[in-house]
Amino acid sequence: MIKRYLQAPGIIWRYIIVKIFGLFYYDKKYRKSKWFNSPNEWGYKWAYIDICNRLKYKTNYDLPWPCSPLVDCGKNVIFDPDDLNNIAGGVGNYYQTFDAKIVIGKGTWIARNVGIITSNHDLKNPNEHQPGKDVIIGDCCWIGMNSIILPGVVLGDHTVVGAGAVVTKSFPDGHCVIAGNPAKLVRLIEVD
């Protein structure tokens, strides 16, 4: 196994850089996730790109985990470290956390170009925001491409959000497919 890594010096350098800079940038729990089991894992690739962007462009400088430079993410996002793929590897996602939290359940998958928003602009003064409301997404959900989840929404476990949906209200019982604008119940998913 070591011989394989010695044949690819780029992997070794990436591993060393992430190990050193990761101590300063990332919480330990994210460095211990399944994405960092070996030097060739995706976590090291994501972290290397993130570290380079932090040093060069100061992007995502205050986040305690690796984040894709193509993802706009606030600090108050709570997720399982093994689900780092939603933050570090995503493209075009927007996690807006003004005065509130976004909680993403374990085993949830989020497609590209998804917006999760905790606060809208004030209707009377668009230069200001309304007070934030937490967005909570349950375990084992699937959020389809180009969908938007608005402030205060709670999605229960095993909720599937169809591509392009605009989720304006909660579906706390989960085990369902929702789609459309505004998102409506399309079908229930049977519980095993």
N, C-alpha and C. Protein backbone atom coordinates (compact mmCIF):
# COMPACT_ATOMS: atom_id res chain seq x y z
N MET A 1 0.82 -1.19 0.00
CA MET A 1 0.00 0.00 0.00
C MET A 1 0.87 1.27 0.00
N ILE A 2 1.90 1.30 0.82
CA ILE A 2 2.79 2.46 0.87
C ILE A 2 3.47 2.66 -0.49
N LYS A 3 3.83 1.54 -1.14
CA LYS A 3 4.47 1.61 -2.45
C LYS A 3 3.57 2.35 -3.45
N ARG A 4 2.27 2.09 -3.39
CA ARG A 4 1.33 2.75 -4.29
C ARG A 4 1.34 4.26 -4.08
N TYR A 5 1.42 4.72 -2.82
CA TYR A 5 1.43 6.15 -2.55
C TYR A 5 2.75 6.79 -2.93
N LEU A 6 3.85 6.06 -2.81
CA LEU A 6 5.15 6.60 -3.20
C LEU A 6 5.22 6.82 -4.71
N GLN A 7 4.43 6.06 -5.45
CA GLN A 7 4.40 6.23 -6.90
C GLN A 7 3.60 7.47 -7.30
N ALA A 8 2.87 8.03 -6.40
CA ALA A 8 2.05 9.23 -6.66
C ALA A 8 2.42 10.32 -5.66
N PRO A 9 3.53 11.05 -5.89
CA PRO A 9 3.98 12.04 -4.91
C PRO A 9 2.99 13.16 -4.67
N GLY A 10 2.14 13.46 -5.65
CA GLY A 10 1.12 14.51 -5.45
C GLY A 10 0.18 14.15 -4.31
N ILE A 11 -0.16 12.89 -4.19
CA ILE A 11 -1.04 12.43 -3.10
C ILE A 11 -0.36 12.63 -1.75
N ILE A 12 0.93 12.32 -1.69
CA ILE A 12 1.68 12.47 -0.43
C ILE A 12 1.75 13.94 -0.04
N TRP A 13 2.09 14.83 -0.97
CA TRP A 13 2.17 16.25 -0.65
C TRP A 13 0.82 16.81 -0.23
N ARG A 14 -0.23 16.41 -0.93
CA ARG A 14 -1.58 16.85 -0.56
C ARG A 14 -1.91 16.39 0.85
N TYR A 15 -1.59 15.14 1.16
CA TYR A 15 -1.82 14.56 2.48
C TYR A 15 -1.07 15.36 3.56
N ILE A 16 0.19 15.66 3.32
CA ILE A 16 1.01 16.40 4.30
C ILE A 16 0.46 17.81 4.51
N ILE A 17 0.14 18.49 3.43
CA ILE A 17 -0.39 19.86 3.53
C ILE A 17 -1.70 19.87 4.31
N VAL A 18 -2.59 18.92 4.01
CA VAL A 18 -3.87 18.87 4.71
C VAL A 18 -3.67 18.54 6.18
N LYS A 19 -2.77 17.61 6.48
CA LYS A 19 -2.51 17.25 7.88
C LYS A 19 -2.00 18.46 8.67
N ILE A 20 -1.10 19.23 8.09
CA ILE A 20 -0.54 20.38 8.80
C ILE A 20 -1.55 21.52 8.92
N PHE A 21 -2.07 21.99 7.78
CA PHE A 21 -2.99 23.13 7.81
C PHE A 21 -4.33 22.75 8.42
N GLY A 22 -4.71 21.48 8.29
CA GLY A 22 -5.97 21.03 8.87
C GLY A 22 -6.02 21.22 10.38
N LEU A 23 -4.87 21.14 11.03
CA LEU A 23 -4.81 21.37 12.48
C LEU A 23 -5.27 22.78 12.84
N PHE A 24 -5.00 23.73 11.97
CA PHE A 24 -5.35 25.13 12.24
C PHE A 24 -6.75 25.49 11.76
N TYR A 25 -7.20 24.85 10.70
CA TYR A 25 -8.45 25.26 10.07
C TYR A 25 -9.67 24.44 10.47
N TYR A 26 -9.51 23.15 10.71
CA TYR A 26 -10.67 22.27 10.84
C TYR A 26 -10.82 21.68 12.24
N ASP A 27 -12.08 21.57 12.68
CA ASP A 27 -12.37 20.86 13.91
C ASP A 27 -11.97 19.40 13.73
N LYS A 28 -11.48 18.82 14.79
CA LYS A 28 -10.99 17.44 14.75
C LYS A 28 -12.05 16.46 14.26
N LYS A 29 -13.31 16.67 14.64
CA LYS A 29 -14.34 15.70 14.25
C LYS A 29 -14.50 15.61 12.74
N TYR A 30 -14.25 16.68 12.02
CA TYR A 30 -14.36 16.62 10.56
C TYR A 30 -13.15 15.93 9.94
N ARG A 31 -11.99 16.04 10.58
CA ARG A 31 -10.79 15.36 10.09
C ARG A 31 -10.83 13.86 10.39
N LYS A 32 -11.75 13.44 11.23
CA LYS A 32 -11.87 12.02 11.60
C LYS A 32 -13.01 11.33 10.86
N SER A 33 -13.67 12.02 9.92
CA SER A 33 -14.80 11.41 9.22
C SER A 33 -14.33 10.37 8.21
N LYS A 34 -15.27 9.66 7.63
CA LYS A 34 -14.95 8.59 6.68
C LYS A 34 -14.21 9.11 5.44
N TRP A 35 -14.27 10.40 5.19
CA TRP A 35 -13.63 10.98 4.01
C TRP A 35 -12.13 11.15 4.18
N PHE A 36 -11.60 10.83 5.38
CA PHE A 36 -10.18 11.00 5.64
C PHE A 36 -9.52 9.69 6.10
N ASN A 37 -10.04 8.55 5.68
CA ASN A 37 -9.49 7.26 6.10
C ASN A 37 -8.14 6.95 5.48
N SER A 38 -7.87 7.41 4.27
CA SER A 38 -6.57 7.18 3.64
C SER A 38 -6.20 8.41 2.82
N PRO A 39 -4.91 8.56 2.49
CA PRO A 39 -4.48 9.76 1.75
C PRO A 39 -5.14 9.93 0.39
N ASN A 40 -5.73 8.89 -0.16
CA ASN A 40 -6.34 8.98 -1.47
C ASN A 40 -7.85 9.24 -1.40
N GLU A 41 -8.39 9.45 -0.22
CA GLU A 41 -9.83 9.70 -0.05
C GLU A 41 -10.20 11.10 -0.54
N TRP A 42 -11.47 11.27 -0.86
CA TRP A 42 -11.98 12.56 -1.34
C TRP A 42 -11.77 13.69 -0.34
N GLY A 43 -11.83 13.38 0.94
CA GLY A 43 -11.66 14.42 1.95
C GLY A 43 -10.36 15.19 1.80
N TYR A 44 -9.28 14.47 1.49
CA TYR A 44 -7.99 15.14 1.30
C TYR A 44 -7.98 16.01 0.05
N LYS A 45 -8.66 15.56 -0.99
CA LYS A 45 -8.76 16.37 -2.20
C LYS A 45 -9.55 17.65 -1.92
N TRP A 46 -10.72 17.49 -1.27
CA TRP A 46 -11.54 18.65 -0.94
C TRP A 46 -10.80 19.61 -0.02
N ALA A 47 -10.14 19.06 1.01
CA ALA A 47 -9.43 19.91 1.97
C ALA A 47 -8.27 20.65 1.31
N TYR A 48 -7.56 19.98 0.42
CA TYR A 48 -6.44 20.63 -0.26
C TYR A 48 -6.94 21.83 -1.09
N ILE A 49 -8.02 21.64 -1.83
CA ILE A 49 -8.59 22.73 -2.62
C ILE A 49 -9.05 23.86 -1.70
N ASP A 50 -9.69 23.50 -0.59
CA ASP A 50 -10.18 24.48 0.36
C ASP A 50 -9.02 25.27 0.97
N ILE A 51 -7.97 24.58 1.37
CA ILE A 51 -6.81 25.25 1.99
C ILE A 51 -6.17 26.22 1.00
N CYS A 52 -5.99 25.79 -0.24
CA CYS A 52 -5.41 26.67 -1.25
C CYS A 52 -6.26 27.92 -1.43
N ASN A 53 -7.58 27.77 -1.46
CA ASN A 53 -8.47 28.92 -1.61
C ASN A 53 -8.49 29.80 -0.37
N ARG A 54 -8.37 29.21 0.80
CA ARG A 54 -8.31 30.02 2.02
C ARG A 54 -7.05 30.87 2.03
N LEU A 55 -5.93 30.27 1.65
CA LEU A 55 -4.67 31.00 1.67
C LEU A 55 -4.61 32.06 0.57
N LYS A 56 -5.10 31.73 -0.61
CA LYS A 56 -4.98 32.65 -1.74
C LYS A 56 -6.08 33.70 -1.78
N TYR A 57 -7.35 33.26 -1.58
CA TYR A 57 -8.49 34.16 -1.76
C TYR A 57 -9.25 34.47 -0.48
N LYS A 58 -8.89 33.84 0.61
CA LYS A 58 -9.57 34.02 1.91
C LYS A 58 -11.03 33.56 1.87
N THR A 59 -11.37 32.61 1.00
CA THR A 59 -12.74 32.10 0.94
C THR A 59 -12.99 31.11 2.06
N ASN A 60 -14.18 31.13 2.61
CA ASN A 60 -14.62 30.21 3.68
C ASN A 60 -13.62 30.18 4.84
N TYR A 61 -12.99 31.29 5.09
CA TYR A 61 -11.88 31.34 6.05
C TYR A 61 -12.29 30.97 7.48
N ASP A 62 -13.55 31.22 7.84
CA ASP A 62 -13.97 31.02 9.22
C ASP A 62 -14.72 29.71 9.46
N LEU A 63 -14.81 28.84 8.45
CA LEU A 63 -15.53 27.58 8.61
C LEU A 63 -14.63 26.52 9.23
N PRO A 64 -15.16 25.70 10.15
CA PRO A 64 -14.34 24.68 10.81
C PRO A 64 -14.26 23.36 10.03
N TRP A 65 -14.61 23.36 8.75
CA TRP A 65 -14.57 22.16 7.92
C TRP A 65 -14.14 22.58 6.52
N PRO A 66 -13.67 21.63 5.69
CA PRO A 66 -13.37 21.97 4.30
C PRO A 66 -14.65 22.30 3.55
N CYS A 67 -14.59 23.33 2.73
CA CYS A 67 -15.77 23.75 1.97
C CYS A 67 -15.36 24.07 0.54
N SER A 68 -16.13 23.60 -0.40
CA SER A 68 -15.85 23.89 -1.80
C SER A 68 -15.88 25.40 -2.02
N PRO A 69 -14.96 25.93 -2.83
CA PRO A 69 -15.02 27.35 -3.13
C PRO A 69 -16.24 27.70 -3.98
N LEU A 70 -16.93 26.69 -4.49
CA LEU A 70 -18.13 26.90 -5.30
C LEU A 70 -19.40 26.77 -4.48
N VAL A 71 -19.26 26.73 -3.14
CA VAL A 71 -20.40 26.66 -2.23
C VAL A 71 -20.35 27.90 -1.34
N ASP A 72 -21.47 28.56 -1.19
CA ASP A 72 -21.57 29.70 -0.28
C ASP A 72 -22.18 29.18 1.02
N CYS A 73 -21.43 29.24 2.10
CA CYS A 73 -21.85 28.56 3.33
C CYS A 73 -21.60 29.41 4.55
N GLY A 74 -22.59 29.48 5.44
CA GLY A 74 -22.43 30.16 6.71
C GLY A 74 -21.93 29.23 7.79
N LYS A 75 -21.55 29.79 8.92
CA LYS A 75 -20.99 29.00 10.02
C LYS A 75 -22.00 28.14 10.75
N ASN A 76 -23.25 28.54 10.79
CA ASN A 76 -24.25 27.85 11.61
C ASN A 76 -24.91 26.68 10.89
N VAL A 77 -24.13 25.92 10.14
CA VAL A 77 -24.63 24.72 9.50
C VAL A 77 -24.19 23.54 10.35
N ILE A 78 -25.15 22.71 10.76
CA ILE A 78 -24.84 21.57 11.61
C ILE A 78 -25.13 20.30 10.81
N PHE A 79 -24.13 19.43 10.71
CA PHE A 79 -24.28 18.20 9.93
C PHE A 79 -23.33 17.14 10.48
N ASP A 80 -23.59 15.89 10.14
CA ASP A 80 -22.73 14.79 10.56
C ASP A 80 -21.42 14.86 9.77
N PRO A 81 -20.26 14.73 10.41
CA PRO A 81 -18.99 14.79 9.69
C PRO A 81 -18.89 13.82 8.51
N ASP A 82 -19.56 12.68 8.59
CA ASP A 82 -19.53 11.73 7.47
C ASP A 82 -20.33 12.23 6.27
N ASP A 83 -21.09 13.29 6.43
CA ASP A 83 -21.86 13.88 5.33
C ASP A 83 -21.20 15.16 4.81
N LEU A 84 -19.89 15.25 4.99
CA LEU A 84 -19.12 16.39 4.53
C LEU A 84 -19.25 16.61 3.03
N ASN A 85 -19.59 15.55 2.29
CA ASN A 85 -19.73 15.64 0.83
C ASN A 85 -20.74 16.72 0.41
N ASN A 86 -21.73 17.00 1.23
CA ASN A 86 -22.73 18.03 0.90
C ASN A 86 -22.16 19.44 0.93
N ILE A 87 -21.09 19.63 1.69
CA ILE A 87 -20.50 20.96 1.85
C ILE A 87 -19.20 21.08 1.06
N ALA A 88 -18.35 20.07 1.16
CA ALA A 88 -17.02 20.16 0.56
C ALA A 88 -17.01 19.85 -0.92
N GLY A 89 -17.88 18.96 -1.37
CA GLY A 89 -17.83 18.54 -2.76
C GLY A 89 -18.91 19.13 -3.63
N GLY A 90 -19.83 19.86 -3.03
CA GLY A 90 -20.96 20.40 -3.80
C GLY A 90 -20.55 21.53 -4.72
N VAL A 91 -21.39 21.81 -5.68
CA VAL A 91 -21.14 22.89 -6.62
C VAL A 91 -22.39 23.77 -6.67
N GLY A 92 -22.21 25.05 -6.39
CA GLY A 92 -23.30 26.00 -6.56
C GLY A 92 -24.31 26.05 -5.43
N ASN A 93 -24.10 25.33 -4.34
CA ASN A 93 -25.07 25.36 -3.25
C ASN A 93 -24.91 26.63 -2.42
N TYR A 94 -26.02 27.05 -1.82
CA TYR A 94 -26.05 28.27 -1.02
C TYR A 94 -26.69 27.95 0.32
N TYR A 95 -25.90 28.03 1.40
CA TYR A 95 -26.38 27.78 2.75
C TYR A 95 -26.33 29.10 3.51
N GLN A 96 -27.45 29.82 3.58
CA GLN A 96 -27.51 31.14 4.19
C GLN A 96 -28.00 31.02 5.62
N THR A 97 -27.19 31.45 6.57
CA THR A 97 -27.51 31.25 7.99
C THR A 97 -27.52 32.57 8.77
N PHE A 98 -28.30 33.54 8.33
CA PHE A 98 -28.41 34.80 9.07
C PHE A 98 -29.22 34.57 10.34
N ASP A 99 -28.62 34.75 11.49
CA ASP A 99 -29.30 34.68 12.78
C ASP A 99 -30.04 33.37 13.05
N ALA A 100 -29.72 32.31 12.36
CA ALA A 100 -30.41 31.04 12.57
C ALA A 100 -29.49 29.90 12.12
N LYS A 101 -29.96 28.67 12.32
CA LYS A 101 -29.16 27.49 11.98
C LYS A 101 -29.80 26.70 10.85
N ILE A 102 -28.95 25.97 10.16
CA ILE A 102 -29.39 24.94 9.24
C ILE A 102 -28.90 23.62 9.82
N VAL A 103 -29.82 22.71 10.09
CA VAL A 103 -29.47 21.40 10.63
C VAL A 103 -29.78 20.36 9.55
N ILE A 104 -28.75 19.61 9.15
CA ILE A 104 -28.90 18.60 8.10
C ILE A 104 -28.70 17.24 8.75
N GLY A 105 -29.71 16.39 8.66
CA GLY A 105 -29.68 15.07 9.30
C GLY A 105 -28.68 14.12 8.66
N LYS A 106 -28.32 13.12 9.42
CA LYS A 106 -27.34 12.11 8.98
C LYS A 106 -27.87 11.35 7.76
N GLY A 107 -26.98 11.15 6.80
CA GLY A 107 -27.33 10.37 5.62
C GLY A 107 -28.14 11.13 4.58
N THR A 108 -28.29 12.42 4.76
CA THR A 108 -29.02 13.24 3.80
C THR A 108 -28.09 13.60 2.64
N TRP A 109 -28.65 13.62 1.44
CA TRP A 109 -27.90 13.98 0.24
C TRP A 109 -28.51 15.25 -0.35
N ILE A 110 -27.63 16.18 -0.73
CA ILE A 110 -28.06 17.45 -1.29
C ILE A 110 -27.42 17.60 -2.66
N ALA A 111 -28.26 17.76 -3.69
CA ALA A 111 -27.77 17.89 -5.06
C ALA A 111 -27.18 19.28 -5.30
N ARG A 112 -26.74 19.52 -6.52
CA ARG A 112 -26.14 20.80 -6.88
C ARG A 112 -27.19 21.91 -7.00
N ASN A 113 -26.69 23.13 -6.80
CA ASN A 113 -27.49 24.35 -6.98
C ASN A 113 -28.70 24.43 -6.06
N VAL A 114 -28.57 23.90 -4.88
CA VAL A 114 -29.65 23.96 -3.88
C VAL A 114 -29.43 25.18 -2.99
N GLY A 115 -30.50 25.88 -2.69
CA GLY A 115 -30.45 27.00 -1.75
C GLY A 115 -31.21 26.67 -0.49
N ILE A 116 -30.57 26.82 0.66
CA ILE A 116 -31.24 26.66 1.96
C ILE A 116 -31.08 27.99 2.68
N ILE A 117 -32.20 28.62 2.97
CA ILE A 117 -32.19 30.01 3.40
C ILE A 117 -32.89 30.15 4.75
N THR A 118 -32.25 30.86 5.69
CA THR A 118 -32.84 31.04 7.02
C THR A 118 -33.47 32.42 7.21
N SER A 119 -33.26 33.33 6.27
CA SER A 119 -33.82 34.68 6.42
C SER A 119 -34.04 35.32 5.05
N ASN A 120 -35.21 35.92 4.87
CA ASN A 120 -35.51 36.65 3.64
C ASN A 120 -35.22 38.13 3.83
N HIS A 121 -35.18 38.85 2.73
CA HIS A 121 -35.07 40.31 2.80
C HIS A 121 -36.37 40.88 3.37
N ASP A 122 -36.26 41.99 4.07
CA ASP A 122 -37.42 42.69 4.61
C ASP A 122 -38.22 43.27 3.45
N LEU A 123 -39.53 43.07 3.45
CA LEU A 123 -40.37 43.54 2.35
C LEU A 123 -40.38 45.06 2.23
N LYS A 124 -40.28 45.77 3.35
CA LYS A 124 -40.31 47.22 3.33
C LYS A 124 -38.96 47.84 3.03
N ASN A 125 -37.89 47.11 3.37
CA ASN A 125 -36.54 47.62 3.13
C ASN A 125 -35.65 46.45 2.70
N PRO A 126 -35.48 46.23 1.41
CA PRO A 126 -34.69 45.09 0.93
C PRO A 126 -33.21 45.13 1.35
N ASN A 127 -32.75 46.26 1.88
CA ASN A 127 -31.38 46.32 2.37
C ASN A 127 -31.21 45.62 3.71
N GLU A 128 -32.32 45.27 4.35
CA GLU A 128 -32.29 44.59 5.64
C GLU A 128 -32.92 43.20 5.50
N HIS A 129 -32.62 42.34 6.48
CA HIS A 129 -33.19 41.00 6.50
C HIS A 129 -34.19 40.85 7.64
N GLN A 130 -35.16 39.98 7.43
CA GLN A 130 -36.09 39.62 8.49
C GLN A 130 -35.33 38.75 9.50
N PRO A 131 -35.87 38.59 10.72
CA PRO A 131 -35.22 37.70 11.69
C PRO A 131 -35.12 36.28 11.12
N GLY A 132 -34.01 35.61 11.42
CA GLY A 132 -33.79 34.27 10.90
C GLY A 132 -34.65 33.22 11.59
N LYS A 133 -34.94 32.15 10.86
CA LYS A 133 -35.68 31.00 11.39
C LYS A 133 -34.90 29.75 11.00
N ASP A 134 -34.71 28.85 11.97
CA ASP A 134 -33.96 27.61 11.71
C ASP A 134 -34.61 26.79 10.61
N VAL A 135 -33.78 26.12 9.82
CA VAL A 135 -34.23 25.13 8.84
C VAL A 135 -33.69 23.80 9.31
N ILE A 136 -34.58 22.82 9.44
CA ILE A 136 -34.17 21.50 9.93
C ILE A 136 -34.56 20.45 8.90
N ILE A 137 -33.56 19.69 8.48
CA ILE A 137 -33.76 18.61 7.52
C ILE A 137 -33.43 17.31 8.22
N GLY A 138 -34.35 16.35 8.17
CA GLY A 138 -34.18 15.09 8.90
C GLY A 138 -33.13 14.17 8.30
N ASP A 139 -33.04 12.98 8.87
CA ASP A 139 -32.10 11.97 8.42
C ASP A 139 -32.56 11.35 7.10
N CYS A 140 -31.60 10.93 6.31
CA CYS A 140 -31.85 10.16 5.07
C CYS A 140 -32.80 10.85 4.10
N CYS A 141 -32.65 12.16 3.96
CA CYS A 141 -33.45 12.90 3.00
C CYS A 141 -32.66 13.05 1.70
N TRP A 142 -33.36 13.41 0.64
CA TRP A 142 -32.74 13.68 -0.65
C TRP A 142 -33.31 15.00 -1.14
N ILE A 143 -32.43 16.00 -1.31
CA ILE A 143 -32.83 17.32 -1.76
C ILE A 143 -32.40 17.44 -3.23
N GLY A 144 -33.37 17.51 -4.14
CA GLY A 144 -33.09 17.50 -5.57
C GLY A 144 -32.48 18.80 -6.09
N MET A 145 -31.85 18.69 -7.24
CA MET A 145 -31.14 19.80 -7.89
C MET A 145 -32.05 21.02 -8.09
N ASN A 146 -31.46 22.19 -7.87
CA ASN A 146 -32.11 23.49 -8.09
C ASN A 146 -33.31 23.76 -7.18
N SER A 147 -33.43 23.02 -6.09
CA SER A 147 -34.53 23.29 -5.17
C SER A 147 -34.13 24.35 -4.15
N ILE A 148 -35.13 24.96 -3.53
CA ILE A 148 -34.91 26.01 -2.54
C ILE A 148 -35.74 25.68 -1.32
N ILE A 149 -35.11 25.77 -0.15
CA ILE A 149 -35.81 25.55 1.12
C ILE A 149 -35.78 26.88 1.87
N LEU A 150 -36.95 27.38 2.21
CA LEU A 150 -37.09 28.72 2.79
C LEU A 150 -37.09 28.69 4.33
N PRO A 151 -36.98 29.87 4.96
CA PRO A 151 -36.85 29.96 6.42
C PRO A 151 -37.96 29.24 7.19
N GLY A 152 -37.54 28.58 8.28
CA GLY A 152 -38.47 27.94 9.20
C GLY A 152 -38.97 26.57 8.78
N VAL A 153 -38.54 26.07 7.64
CA VAL A 153 -39.02 24.78 7.15
C VAL A 153 -38.40 23.63 7.95
N VAL A 154 -39.23 22.66 8.29
CA VAL A 154 -38.79 21.43 8.95
C VAL A 154 -39.21 20.26 8.05
N LEU A 155 -38.23 19.48 7.63
CA LEU A 155 -38.50 18.28 6.83
C LEU A 155 -38.16 17.06 7.67
N GLY A 156 -39.11 16.16 7.82
CA GLY A 156 -38.88 14.95 8.60
C GLY A 156 -37.98 13.97 7.87
N ASP A 157 -37.63 12.90 8.58
CA ASP A 157 -36.76 11.86 8.01
C ASP A 157 -37.36 11.31 6.71
N HIS A 158 -36.48 10.92 5.82
CA HIS A 158 -36.87 10.28 4.54
C HIS A 158 -37.79 11.15 3.69
N THR A 159 -37.49 12.45 3.63
CA THR A 159 -38.24 13.34 2.74
C THR A 159 -37.43 13.51 1.46
N VAL A 160 -38.10 13.37 0.34
CA VAL A 160 -37.48 13.60 -0.97
C VAL A 160 -38.06 14.89 -1.51
N VAL A 161 -37.17 15.83 -1.84
CA VAL A 161 -37.58 17.11 -2.41
C VAL A 161 -37.26 17.04 -3.91
N GLY A 162 -38.29 17.14 -4.74
CA GLY A 162 -38.11 17.06 -6.18
C GLY A 162 -37.27 18.20 -6.72
N ALA A 163 -36.60 17.94 -7.83
CA ALA A 163 -35.76 18.95 -8.48
C ALA A 163 -36.57 20.20 -8.79
N GLY A 164 -36.00 21.35 -8.47
CA GLY A 164 -36.65 22.62 -8.77
C GLY A 164 -37.76 23.04 -7.82
N ALA A 165 -37.97 22.27 -6.76
CA ALA A 165 -39.04 22.59 -5.81
C ALA A 165 -38.70 23.84 -5.00
N VAL A 166 -39.73 24.57 -4.60
CA VAL A 166 -39.58 25.69 -3.67
C VAL A 166 -40.37 25.30 -2.43
N VAL A 167 -39.64 24.98 -1.36
CA VAL A 167 -40.28 24.47 -0.14
C VAL A 167 -40.55 25.64 0.78
N THR A 168 -41.84 25.98 0.90
CA THR A 168 -42.26 27.14 1.69
C THR A 168 -42.87 26.75 3.03
N LYS A 169 -43.25 25.47 3.19
CA LYS A 169 -43.86 25.02 4.44
C LYS A 169 -43.23 23.70 4.87
N SER A 170 -43.47 23.35 6.11
CA SER A 170 -42.86 22.16 6.70
C SER A 170 -43.62 20.88 6.37
N PHE A 171 -42.87 19.79 6.34
CA PHE A 171 -43.40 18.43 6.23
C PHE A 171 -42.72 17.61 7.31
N PRO A 172 -43.07 17.87 8.59
CA PRO A 172 -42.33 17.29 9.71
C PRO A 172 -42.46 15.78 9.86
N ASP A 173 -43.53 15.19 9.31
CA ASP A 173 -43.70 13.73 9.45
C ASP A 173 -42.77 12.96 8.52
N GLY A 174 -42.26 13.60 7.49
CA GLY A 174 -41.33 12.96 6.57
C GLY A 174 -41.95 11.80 5.82
N HIS A 175 -41.08 10.88 5.38
CA HIS A 175 -41.50 9.70 4.62
C HIS A 175 -42.42 10.09 3.47
N CYS A 176 -41.97 11.10 2.69
CA CYS A 176 -42.81 11.59 1.60
C CYS A 176 -41.96 12.17 0.49
N VAL A 177 -42.59 12.35 -0.66
CA VAL A 177 -42.00 13.04 -1.79
C VAL A 177 -42.77 14.34 -1.96
N ILE A 178 -42.05 15.45 -2.03
CA ILE A 178 -42.68 16.75 -2.25
C ILE A 178 -42.06 17.37 -3.50
N ALA A 179 -42.86 18.13 -4.23
CA ALA A 179 -42.35 18.75 -5.46
C ALA A 179 -43.23 19.94 -5.82
N GLY A 180 -42.71 20.79 -6.70
CA GLY A 180 -43.47 21.91 -7.23
C GLY A 180 -43.11 23.24 -6.60
N ASN A 181 -43.83 24.28 -7.03
CA ASN A 181 -43.64 25.63 -6.53
C ASN A 181 -45.01 26.26 -6.28
N PRO A 182 -45.42 26.34 -5.02
CA PRO A 182 -44.75 25.87 -3.81
C PRO A 182 -44.83 24.34 -3.70
N ALA A 183 -43.90 23.77 -2.98
CA ALA A 183 -43.84 22.30 -2.86
C ALA A 183 -45.08 21.76 -2.18
N LYS A 184 -45.60 20.69 -2.76
CA LYS A 184 -46.78 20.00 -2.22
C LYS A 184 -46.47 18.52 -2.13
N LEU A 185 -47.25 17.84 -1.30
CA LEU A 185 -47.10 16.40 -1.15
C LEU A 185 -47.46 15.71 -2.46
N VAL A 186 -46.53 14.89 -2.97
CA VAL A 186 -46.77 14.15 -4.20
C VAL A 186 -47.16 12.72 -3.87
N ARG A 187 -46.43 12.14 -2.91
CA ARG A 187 -46.76 10.79 -2.46
C ARG A 187 -46.10 10.48 -1.14
N LEU A 188 -46.64 9.50 -0.45
CA LEU A 188 -46.05 9.04 0.80
C LEU A 188 -45.09 7.90 0.51
N ILE A 189 -44.07 7.77 1.34
CA ILE A 189 -43.12 6.67 1.24
C ILE A 189 -43.43 5.72 2.38
N GLU A 190 -43.71 4.47 2.07
CA GLU A 190 -44.06 3.50 3.11
C GLU A 190 -42.90 3.26 4.05
N VAL A 191 -43.22 3.19 5.33
CA VAL A 191 -42.22 2.94 6.36
C VAL A 191 -42.03 1.43 6.47
N ASP A 192 -40.77 0.99 6.48
CA ASP A 192 -40.47 -0.43 6.61
C ASP A 192 -40.62 -0.89 8.05
